N, C-alpha and C. Protein backbone atom coordinates (compact mmCIF):
# COMPACT_ATOMS: atom_id res chain seq x y z
N UNK A 1 172.39 194.97 109.87
CA UNK A 1 173.28 194.91 111.01
C UNK A 1 172.79 195.82 112.14
N UNK A 2 172.35 197.02 111.75
CA UNK A 2 171.85 197.96 112.74
C UNK A 2 170.58 197.44 113.42
N UNK A 3 169.74 196.76 112.66
CA UNK A 3 168.51 196.21 113.25
C UNK A 3 168.81 195.11 114.26
N UNK A 4 169.85 194.34 114.00
CA UNK A 4 170.25 193.28 114.95
C UNK A 4 170.75 193.90 116.24
N UNK A 5 171.59 194.92 116.12
CA UNK A 5 172.11 195.61 117.32
C UNK A 5 170.99 196.28 118.10
N UNK A 6 170.05 196.88 117.39
CA UNK A 6 168.92 197.53 118.05
C UNK A 6 168.07 196.49 118.78
N UNK A 7 167.79 195.38 118.12
CA UNK A 7 167.00 194.32 118.75
C UNK A 7 167.71 193.75 119.98
N UNK A 8 169.01 193.55 119.89
CA UNK A 8 169.80 193.04 121.03
C UNK A 8 169.79 194.04 122.18
N UNK A 9 169.94 195.32 121.87
CA UNK A 9 169.95 196.35 122.92
C UNK A 9 168.59 196.45 123.60
N UNK A 10 167.51 196.43 122.81
CA UNK A 10 166.16 196.50 123.38
C UNK A 10 165.87 195.26 124.21
N UNK A 11 166.23 194.10 123.70
CA UNK A 11 166.03 192.85 124.46
C UNK A 11 166.81 192.84 125.76
N UNK A 12 168.04 193.30 125.72
CA UNK A 12 168.86 193.36 126.93
C UNK A 12 168.27 194.34 127.94
N UNK A 13 167.85 195.49 127.45
CA UNK A 13 167.24 196.48 128.34
C UNK A 13 165.98 195.93 128.99
N UNK A 14 165.15 195.25 128.23
CA UNK A 14 163.92 194.67 128.79
C UNK A 14 164.23 193.60 129.84
N UNK A 15 165.26 192.80 129.61
CA UNK A 15 165.67 191.79 130.59
C UNK A 15 166.16 192.46 131.87
N UNK A 16 166.98 193.48 131.73
CA UNK A 16 167.49 194.20 132.90
C UNK A 16 166.35 194.86 133.66
N UNK A 17 165.39 195.40 132.94
CA UNK A 17 164.23 196.04 133.56
C UNK A 17 163.43 195.02 134.37
N UNK A 18 163.20 193.82 133.80
CA UNK A 18 162.48 192.77 134.52
C UNK A 18 163.23 192.37 135.79
N UNK A 19 164.53 192.21 135.67
CA UNK A 19 165.33 191.83 136.84
C UNK A 19 165.28 192.93 137.89
N UNK A 20 165.40 194.18 137.49
CA UNK A 20 165.37 195.31 138.44
C UNK A 20 164.04 195.37 139.18
N UNK A 21 162.93 195.11 138.47
CA UNK A 21 161.61 195.14 139.12
C UNK A 21 161.47 194.05 140.18
N UNK A 22 162.27 193.01 140.08
CA UNK A 22 162.23 191.93 141.07
C UNK A 22 163.25 192.17 142.18
N UNK A 23 164.48 192.50 141.80
CA UNK A 23 165.58 192.58 142.76
C UNK A 23 165.46 193.79 143.68
N UNK A 24 165.15 194.96 143.15
CA UNK A 24 165.11 196.17 143.98
C UNK A 24 164.07 196.07 145.09
N UNK A 25 162.83 195.66 144.81
CA UNK A 25 161.88 195.50 145.93
C UNK A 25 162.34 194.46 146.96
N UNK A 26 162.94 193.36 146.49
CA UNK A 26 163.44 192.35 147.43
C UNK A 26 164.51 192.95 148.34
N UNK A 27 165.41 193.73 147.80
CA UNK A 27 166.47 194.35 148.61
C UNK A 27 165.87 195.32 149.63
N UNK A 28 164.86 196.07 149.23
CA UNK A 28 164.22 197.01 150.15
C UNK A 28 163.53 196.25 151.28
N UNK A 29 162.81 195.19 150.94
CA UNK A 29 162.14 194.38 151.97
C UNK A 29 163.16 193.78 152.93
N UNK A 30 164.28 193.28 152.40
CA UNK A 30 165.31 192.69 153.25
C UNK A 30 165.90 193.72 154.22
N UNK A 31 166.13 194.92 153.77
CA UNK A 31 166.66 195.97 154.64
C UNK A 31 165.65 196.32 155.74
N UNK A 32 164.38 196.38 155.39
CA UNK A 32 163.34 196.67 156.38
C UNK A 32 163.28 195.54 157.41
N UNK A 33 163.29 194.28 156.94
CA UNK A 33 163.27 193.14 157.86
C UNK A 33 164.49 193.13 158.77
N UNK A 34 165.63 193.50 158.22
CA UNK A 34 166.86 193.56 159.01
C UNK A 34 166.75 194.65 160.09
N UNK A 35 166.28 195.83 159.72
CA UNK A 35 166.15 196.93 160.68
C UNK A 35 165.13 196.64 161.77
N UNK A 36 164.10 195.88 161.45
CA UNK A 36 163.07 195.54 162.44
C UNK A 36 163.46 194.35 163.32
N UNK A 37 164.59 193.72 163.00
CA UNK A 37 165.04 192.57 163.77
C UNK A 37 164.35 191.27 163.39
N UNK A 38 163.57 191.30 162.34
CA UNK A 38 162.84 190.11 161.92
C UNK A 38 163.80 189.08 161.33
N UNK A 39 164.86 189.54 160.67
CA UNK A 39 165.82 188.60 160.11
C UNK A 39 166.50 187.78 161.21
N UNK A 40 166.74 188.39 162.37
CA UNK A 40 167.32 187.63 163.49
C UNK A 40 166.38 186.52 163.93
N UNK A 41 165.10 186.82 163.96
CA UNK A 41 164.10 185.80 164.34
C UNK A 41 164.06 184.69 163.30
N UNK A 42 164.15 185.07 162.04
CA UNK A 42 164.16 184.06 160.97
C UNK A 42 165.41 183.19 161.10
N UNK A 43 166.54 183.83 161.43
CA UNK A 43 167.80 183.08 161.59
C UNK A 43 167.68 182.06 162.72
N UNK A 44 166.98 182.44 163.81
CA UNK A 44 166.77 181.49 164.92
C UNK A 44 165.94 180.30 164.47
N UNK A 45 165.05 180.52 163.53
CA UNK A 45 164.26 179.42 162.99
C UNK A 45 165.16 178.42 162.25
N UNK A 46 166.29 178.90 161.75
CA UNK A 46 167.22 178.04 161.03
C UNK A 46 168.16 177.29 161.96
N UNK A 47 168.09 177.54 163.26
CA UNK A 47 169.00 176.86 164.19
C UNK A 47 168.87 175.34 164.14
N UNK A 48 167.67 174.76 163.95
CA UNK A 48 167.63 173.30 163.80
C UNK A 48 168.40 172.83 162.56
N UNK A 49 168.36 173.61 161.50
CA UNK A 49 169.08 173.24 160.29
C UNK A 49 170.59 173.25 160.53
N UNK A 50 171.08 174.30 161.16
CA UNK A 50 172.53 174.36 161.38
C UNK A 50 172.98 173.31 162.40
N UNK A 51 172.08 172.91 163.28
CA UNK A 51 172.43 171.84 164.23
C UNK A 51 172.57 170.49 163.53
N UNK A 52 171.79 170.27 162.47
CA UNK A 52 171.92 169.03 161.69
C UNK A 52 173.33 168.89 161.16
N UNK A 53 173.92 170.03 160.81
CA UNK A 53 175.28 170.04 160.26
C UNK A 53 176.34 170.23 161.34
N UNK A 54 175.93 170.22 162.61
CA UNK A 54 176.83 170.43 163.75
C UNK A 54 177.54 171.79 163.66
N UNK A 55 176.78 172.80 163.30
CA UNK A 55 177.32 174.16 163.20
C UNK A 55 176.81 174.98 164.38
N UNK A 56 177.53 176.08 164.68
CA UNK A 56 177.10 176.99 165.73
C UNK A 56 175.81 177.69 165.31
N UNK A 57 174.99 178.04 166.29
CA UNK A 57 173.72 178.72 166.01
C UNK A 57 173.96 180.05 165.28
N UNK A 58 175.09 180.70 165.55
CA UNK A 58 175.41 181.98 164.91
C UNK A 58 175.55 181.84 163.40
N UNK A 59 175.68 180.62 162.91
CA UNK A 59 175.79 180.40 161.47
C UNK A 59 174.45 180.61 160.77
N UNK A 60 173.37 180.63 161.53
CA UNK A 60 172.04 180.76 160.95
C UNK A 60 171.81 182.08 160.22
N UNK A 61 172.30 183.18 160.78
CA UNK A 61 172.05 184.48 160.16
C UNK A 61 172.72 184.62 158.80
N UNK A 62 174.04 184.34 158.68
CA UNK A 62 174.62 184.44 157.33
C UNK A 62 174.02 183.42 156.36
N UNK A 63 173.56 182.30 156.88
CA UNK A 63 172.91 181.31 156.02
C UNK A 63 171.61 181.88 155.44
N UNK A 64 170.81 182.50 156.30
CA UNK A 64 169.55 183.10 155.85
C UNK A 64 169.82 184.20 154.83
N UNK A 65 170.77 185.07 155.13
CA UNK A 65 171.09 186.17 154.22
C UNK A 65 171.53 185.62 152.87
N UNK A 66 172.41 184.64 152.87
CA UNK A 66 172.90 184.06 151.62
C UNK A 66 171.80 183.38 150.83
N UNK A 67 170.90 182.69 151.52
CA UNK A 67 169.80 182.01 150.84
C UNK A 67 168.86 183.03 150.21
N UNK A 68 168.53 184.06 150.95
CA UNK A 68 167.53 185.02 150.48
C UNK A 68 168.12 186.02 149.49
N UNK A 69 169.24 186.61 149.82
CA UNK A 69 169.76 187.71 149.01
C UNK A 69 170.80 187.25 148.00
N UNK A 70 171.65 186.35 148.36
CA UNK A 70 172.64 185.89 147.39
C UNK A 70 174.05 185.91 147.91
N UNK A 71 174.94 185.50 147.05
CA UNK A 71 176.34 185.35 147.44
C UNK A 71 177.05 186.67 147.68
N UNK A 72 176.74 187.69 146.90
CA UNK A 72 177.48 188.94 147.06
C UNK A 72 177.24 189.53 148.45
N UNK A 73 175.99 189.67 148.86
CA UNK A 73 175.70 190.18 150.19
C UNK A 73 175.93 189.10 151.23
N UNK A 74 175.62 187.86 150.88
CA UNK A 74 175.83 186.75 151.80
C UNK A 74 177.29 186.58 152.16
N UNK A 75 178.18 186.75 151.18
CA UNK A 75 179.62 186.64 151.44
C UNK A 75 180.06 187.71 152.43
N UNK A 76 179.53 188.89 152.27
CA UNK A 76 179.85 189.96 153.23
C UNK A 76 179.38 189.61 154.63
N UNK A 77 178.21 189.01 154.73
CA UNK A 77 177.69 188.61 156.04
C UNK A 77 178.51 187.46 156.63
N UNK A 78 178.95 186.55 155.78
CA UNK A 78 179.77 185.44 156.26
C UNK A 78 181.09 185.97 156.79
N UNK A 79 181.71 186.89 156.08
CA UNK A 79 182.97 187.48 156.53
C UNK A 79 182.76 188.24 157.83
N UNK A 80 181.69 189.03 157.90
CA UNK A 80 181.39 189.78 159.12
C UNK A 80 181.13 188.84 160.29
N UNK A 81 180.37 187.79 160.07
CA UNK A 81 180.09 186.82 161.13
C UNK A 81 181.36 186.11 161.56
N UNK A 82 182.22 185.82 160.61
CA UNK A 82 183.49 185.16 160.93
C UNK A 82 184.33 186.05 161.84
N UNK A 83 184.31 187.33 161.59
CA UNK A 83 185.10 188.25 162.39
C UNK A 83 184.45 188.53 163.75
N UNK A 84 183.14 188.73 163.77
CA UNK A 84 182.46 189.08 165.01
C UNK A 84 182.18 187.88 165.90
N UNK A 85 181.68 186.81 165.33
CA UNK A 85 181.25 185.67 166.12
C UNK A 85 182.32 184.60 166.25
N UNK A 86 183.44 184.80 165.54
CA UNK A 86 184.52 183.81 165.57
C UNK A 86 184.00 182.42 165.21
N UNK A 87 183.30 182.34 164.10
CA UNK A 87 182.79 181.05 163.64
C UNK A 87 183.96 180.13 163.30
N UNK A 88 183.83 178.86 163.64
CA UNK A 88 184.89 177.91 163.29
C UNK A 88 185.04 177.82 161.77
N UNK A 89 186.22 177.50 161.34
CA UNK A 89 186.50 177.36 159.92
C UNK A 89 185.55 176.35 159.28
N UNK A 90 185.26 175.28 159.98
CA UNK A 90 184.36 174.25 159.47
C UNK A 90 182.99 174.84 159.14
N UNK A 91 182.45 175.67 160.05
CA UNK A 91 181.15 176.30 159.81
C UNK A 91 181.20 177.22 158.59
N UNK A 92 182.30 177.92 158.43
CA UNK A 92 182.45 178.80 157.26
C UNK A 92 182.45 178.00 155.97
N UNK A 93 183.15 176.88 155.97
CA UNK A 93 183.15 176.03 154.79
C UNK A 93 181.75 175.48 154.51
N UNK A 94 181.09 175.00 155.55
CA UNK A 94 179.76 174.42 155.35
C UNK A 94 178.74 175.47 154.88
N UNK A 95 178.85 176.69 155.42
CA UNK A 95 177.99 177.77 154.94
C UNK A 95 178.21 178.00 153.44
N UNK A 96 179.46 178.03 153.07
CA UNK A 96 179.79 178.25 151.67
C UNK A 96 179.28 177.12 150.80
N UNK A 97 179.45 175.88 151.26
CA UNK A 97 178.96 174.74 150.48
C UNK A 97 177.45 174.83 150.26
N UNK A 98 176.72 175.16 151.33
CA UNK A 98 175.27 175.25 151.21
C UNK A 98 174.89 176.35 150.20
N UNK A 99 175.56 177.49 150.33
CA UNK A 99 175.18 178.63 149.50
C UNK A 99 175.61 178.50 148.05
N UNK A 100 176.56 177.62 147.77
CA UNK A 100 176.92 177.39 146.37
C UNK A 100 175.70 176.92 145.59
N UNK A 101 174.91 176.05 146.19
CA UNK A 101 173.74 175.50 145.50
C UNK A 101 172.46 176.30 145.78
N UNK A 102 172.40 176.99 146.90
CA UNK A 102 171.12 177.60 147.28
C UNK A 102 171.23 179.08 147.61
N UNK A 103 172.08 179.80 146.91
CA UNK A 103 172.13 181.24 147.15
C UNK A 103 171.00 181.94 146.38
N UNK A 104 170.46 182.96 146.99
CA UNK A 104 169.42 183.79 146.36
C UNK A 104 168.28 182.98 145.77
N UNK A 105 167.81 181.97 146.49
CA UNK A 105 166.78 181.10 145.91
C UNK A 105 165.48 181.84 145.60
N UNK A 106 165.12 182.80 146.42
CA UNK A 106 163.87 183.52 146.16
C UNK A 106 164.04 184.45 144.96
N UNK A 107 165.13 185.21 144.99
CA UNK A 107 165.41 186.15 143.91
C UNK A 107 165.58 185.42 142.57
N UNK A 108 166.43 184.41 142.55
CA UNK A 108 166.67 183.67 141.31
C UNK A 108 165.40 182.98 140.82
N UNK A 109 164.65 182.40 141.74
CA UNK A 109 163.41 181.73 141.35
C UNK A 109 162.44 182.73 140.73
N UNK A 110 162.31 183.89 141.35
CA UNK A 110 161.41 184.92 140.81
C UNK A 110 161.85 185.35 139.41
N UNK A 111 163.15 185.49 139.23
CA UNK A 111 163.66 185.89 137.91
C UNK A 111 163.37 184.80 136.88
N UNK A 112 163.65 183.55 137.22
CA UNK A 112 163.41 182.46 136.27
C UNK A 112 161.93 182.26 135.99
N UNK A 113 161.07 182.46 137.00
CA UNK A 113 159.63 182.35 136.78
C UNK A 113 159.18 183.39 135.75
N UNK A 114 159.76 184.58 135.82
CA UNK A 114 159.43 185.62 134.84
C UNK A 114 159.74 185.18 133.41
N UNK A 115 160.67 184.23 133.28
CA UNK A 115 161.03 183.73 131.96
C UNK A 115 160.36 182.39 131.65
N UNK A 116 159.42 181.96 132.51
CA UNK A 116 158.62 180.79 132.21
C UNK A 116 159.07 179.48 132.84
N UNK A 117 160.04 179.51 133.73
CA UNK A 117 160.53 178.29 134.39
C UNK A 117 159.59 177.92 135.54
N UNK A 118 159.45 176.62 135.82
CA UNK A 118 158.65 176.15 136.95
C UNK A 118 159.37 176.52 138.24
N UNK A 119 158.89 177.54 138.92
CA UNK A 119 159.53 178.08 140.11
C UNK A 119 159.60 177.12 141.28
N UNK A 120 158.52 176.39 141.52
CA UNK A 120 158.49 175.47 142.65
C UNK A 120 159.51 174.34 142.46
N UNK A 121 159.58 173.81 141.27
CA UNK A 121 160.54 172.75 140.98
C UNK A 121 161.98 173.25 141.15
N UNK A 122 162.26 174.43 140.63
CA UNK A 122 163.59 175.02 140.77
C UNK A 122 163.94 175.27 142.23
N UNK A 123 163.02 175.86 142.97
CA UNK A 123 163.22 176.19 144.39
C UNK A 123 163.50 174.94 145.22
N UNK A 124 162.64 173.95 145.09
CA UNK A 124 162.77 172.72 145.89
C UNK A 124 164.04 171.96 145.51
N UNK A 125 164.32 171.86 144.23
CA UNK A 125 165.52 171.14 143.79
C UNK A 125 166.78 171.77 144.34
N UNK A 126 166.87 173.08 144.27
CA UNK A 126 168.07 173.76 144.78
C UNK A 126 168.23 173.56 146.28
N UNK A 127 167.15 173.65 147.03
CA UNK A 127 167.25 173.46 148.48
C UNK A 127 167.62 172.03 148.84
N UNK A 128 167.06 171.06 148.15
CA UNK A 128 167.38 169.65 148.42
C UNK A 128 168.84 169.36 148.10
N UNK A 129 169.30 169.83 146.95
CA UNK A 129 170.70 169.61 146.57
C UNK A 129 171.63 170.26 147.60
N UNK A 130 171.33 171.49 147.99
CA UNK A 130 172.17 172.19 148.97
C UNK A 130 172.17 171.45 150.31
N UNK A 131 171.00 171.03 150.77
CA UNK A 131 170.91 170.34 152.05
C UNK A 131 171.66 169.02 152.03
N UNK A 132 171.48 168.25 150.97
CA UNK A 132 172.14 166.96 150.87
C UNK A 132 173.66 167.11 150.76
N UNK A 133 174.10 168.00 149.91
CA UNK A 133 175.53 168.23 149.73
C UNK A 133 176.18 168.70 151.04
N UNK A 134 175.54 169.62 151.72
CA UNK A 134 176.09 170.14 152.97
C UNK A 134 176.07 169.07 154.06
N UNK A 135 175.02 168.26 154.09
CA UNK A 135 174.97 167.18 155.08
C UNK A 135 176.12 166.20 154.87
N UNK A 136 176.33 165.79 153.62
CA UNK A 136 177.43 164.87 153.32
C UNK A 136 178.78 165.50 153.68
N UNK A 137 178.95 166.76 153.35
CA UNK A 137 180.20 167.46 153.69
C UNK A 137 180.38 167.56 155.20
N UNK A 138 179.29 167.79 155.93
CA UNK A 138 179.39 167.92 157.39
C UNK A 138 179.78 166.59 158.05
N UNK A 139 179.38 165.49 157.45
CA UNK A 139 179.74 164.18 158.00
C UNK A 139 181.18 163.81 157.63
N UNK A 140 181.61 164.25 156.47
CA UNK A 140 182.97 163.98 156.03
C UNK A 140 183.97 164.88 156.74
N UNK A 141 183.58 166.13 156.97
CA UNK A 141 184.47 167.13 157.55
C UNK A 141 184.29 167.16 159.07
N UNK A 142 185.10 166.41 159.77
CA UNK A 142 185.01 166.33 161.22
C UNK A 142 185.67 167.56 161.86
N UNK A 143 185.12 168.06 162.97
CA UNK A 143 185.69 169.26 163.62
C UNK A 143 187.16 169.10 164.02
N UNK A 144 187.58 167.88 164.33
CA UNK A 144 188.97 167.67 164.77
C UNK A 144 189.94 167.46 163.61
N UNK A 145 189.47 167.62 162.39
CA UNK A 145 190.32 167.42 161.21
C UNK A 145 191.48 168.41 161.21
N UNK A 146 192.69 167.95 160.87
CA UNK A 146 193.83 168.86 160.79
C UNK A 146 193.61 169.96 159.76
N UNK A 147 192.81 169.68 158.75
CA UNK A 147 192.47 170.65 157.73
C UNK A 147 191.78 171.87 158.35
N UNK A 148 191.08 171.64 159.46
CA UNK A 148 190.29 172.70 160.09
C UNK A 148 190.92 173.21 161.38
N UNK A 149 192.19 172.92 161.62
CA UNK A 149 192.81 173.30 162.88
C UNK A 149 192.73 174.78 163.19
N UNK A 150 192.99 175.61 162.21
CA UNK A 150 193.02 177.05 162.45
C UNK A 150 191.62 177.60 162.56
N UNK A 151 191.28 178.10 163.70
CA UNK A 151 190.00 178.78 163.89
C UNK A 151 190.16 180.23 163.44
N UNK A 152 189.06 180.86 163.11
CA UNK A 152 189.08 182.27 162.75
C UNK A 152 189.20 183.04 164.07
N UNK A 153 190.25 183.83 164.20
CA UNK A 153 190.50 184.52 165.47
C UNK A 153 190.36 186.02 165.37
N UNK A 154 190.01 186.56 164.24
CA UNK A 154 189.93 188.01 164.11
C UNK A 154 188.50 188.47 164.23
């Protein structure tokens, strides 16, 4: 029994160590890119994508953050953008829909590659599913929908 617990503890520790070696450097790089203003430039590159979904250009930054870093930090950026930029409710929903399928794609892909998964297949599949799902939702969810009447005003 003790050997099983020891093996489980060592295996868990090794998994956490592998994840930390991937996540911590990514977080440091993201903070550096943010401080240098490079993330804003990357977000502008996403403006054609958000235009496909009829979203405001300001939606690009939280989208980039959510894609690269993940839902926990991405959710904070979405809330902050909603308050500062007054993003329409529709854009907030579409951001969330996209990020459900494609949050932290780089981080997650790197973690799964460490465990032997085909990273390119995982990466491309997640982005395609997110793009398709969000596109369909953007066509179904019209800006004049009563469901979306309340804009974020704070």
